[in-house]
Amino acid sequence: MTSSNTVKGPASYFPSIEQKYGRPIAEWKELIRSSPLTRHGELVTWLKTEHGLGHGHANALVAHTLAEK
């Protein structure tokens, strides 16, 4: 039995990202959009090195943000 409101994909990480790093998802997305970097891998590395995110969290944020374009 599956629930229709179960969040799947990158967004499933959002509650734990907000809890762990203390910033709303909208703020992380704005950071990603305002970065001079444009490639997925570069953005993931930047979030990990400059902002201390784990790989899975950084990857989820970048994937979700870039998919909006």
Protein backbone atom coordinates (compact mmCIF):
# COMPACT_ATOMS: atom_id res chain seq x y z
CA MET A 1 0.00 0.00 0.00
CA THR A 2 1.44 3.34 -1.05
CA SER A 3 0.38 6.78 -0.03
CA SER A 4 -0.32 9.21 -2.86
CA ASN A 5 1.21 12.07 -0.89
CA THR A 6 4.57 10.39 -0.33
CA VAL A 7 7.29 12.67 -1.69
CA LYS A 8 9.67 10.96 -4.05
CA GLY A 9 12.90 11.96 -5.73
CA PRO A 10 15.08 14.90 -4.71
CA ALA A 11 12.32 16.65 -2.77
CA SER A 12 12.17 13.73 -0.33
CA TYR A 13 15.42 15.08 1.16
CA PHE A 14 14.05 18.57 1.79
CA PRO A 15 12.74 18.15 5.37
CA SER A 16 16.03 16.67 6.56
CA ILE A 17 18.04 19.33 4.70
CA GLU A 18 16.09 22.11 6.41
CA GLN A 19 16.42 20.43 9.78
CA LYS A 20 20.12 19.62 9.50
CA TYR A 21 21.37 22.89 8.00
CA GLY A 22 18.81 25.34 9.41
CA ARG A 23 17.93 27.06 6.14
CA PRO A 24 14.69 26.86 4.16
CA ILE A 25 14.83 25.12 0.78
CA ALA A 26 13.92 28.37 -0.99
CA GLU A 27 17.11 29.92 0.40
CA TRP A 28 19.28 27.03 -0.83
CA LYS A 29 17.67 27.24 -4.27
CA GLU A 30 18.29 30.97 -4.44
CA LEU A 31 21.95 30.36 -3.55
CA ILE A 32 22.20 27.81 -6.36
CA ARG A 33 20.50 30.11 -8.87
CA SER A 34 22.73 33.05 -7.95
CA SER A 35 25.94 31.03 -8.22
CA PRO A 36 28.12 31.71 -11.27
CA LEU A 37 28.40 27.92 -11.64
CA THR A 38 25.94 26.22 -13.97
CA ARG A 39 26.96 22.56 -14.20
CA HIS A 40 25.41 20.00 -11.87
CA GLY A 41 28.70 18.53 -10.65
CA GLU A 42 30.28 21.93 -10.04
CA LEU A 43 27.28 23.08 -8.02
CA VAL A 44 27.26 19.90 -5.91
CA THR A 45 30.96 20.29 -5.15
CA TRP A 46 30.46 23.97 -4.31
CA LEU A 47 27.63 23.23 -1.85
CA LYS A 48 29.75 20.54 -0.21
CA THR A 49 32.92 22.60 0.12
CA GLU A 50 31.52 26.09 0.73
CA HIS A 51 28.39 25.23 2.69
CA GLY A 52 29.18 21.89 4.33
CA LEU A 53 26.36 19.86 2.79
CA GLY A 54 26.61 16.11 2.42
CA HIS A 55 26.75 14.73 -1.12
CA GLY A 56 23.19 13.37 -1.17
CA HIS A 57 21.70 16.60 0.12
CA ALA A 58 23.72 18.77 -2.25
CA ASN A 59 22.85 16.51 -5.18
CA ALA A 60 19.13 16.61 -4.36
CA LEU A 61 19.07 20.42 -4.12
CA VAL A 62 20.98 20.90 -7.37
CA ALA A 63 18.92 18.33 -9.29
CA HIS A 64 15.62 19.83 -8.14
CA THR A 65 16.71 23.42 -8.80
CA LEU A 66 18.13 22.74 -12.26
CA ALA A 67 15.03 20.75 -13.25
CA GLU A 68 12.93 23.91 -12.74
CA LYS A 69 14.62 25.76 -15.60
